[in-house]
């Protein structure tokens, strides 16, 4: 088995417009769900997106902490820091919807 090294791991930054659209679709699909199974499917799709976003944030942070002088890593971390509150807001809004039902 070939071992993957950390430098080989590539995770693209999220497109915020597409991410917002996905969250809007999660809200709509959850509201339209006619069964528990359909609601669970929406939650599974959200979980997949959430995991991709969390992975991107973690890899971005790790790359920065490996070498804080690396300008590319610093720019990526700054971008991550700018997006983090927006991503948190999207996630919190969906969680609030789930808790209301």
Foldseek 3Di string as FASTA:
>chain_A
DDDDDLVNDDADADDVVVVVVLLVVLVVQCVVDPDPVSNVVSVVVVVVVVVSNVVLQVSLVVVCVVPVVDPVSVVSNVVNVVCVVVVVVSVVVVVVVVVVD
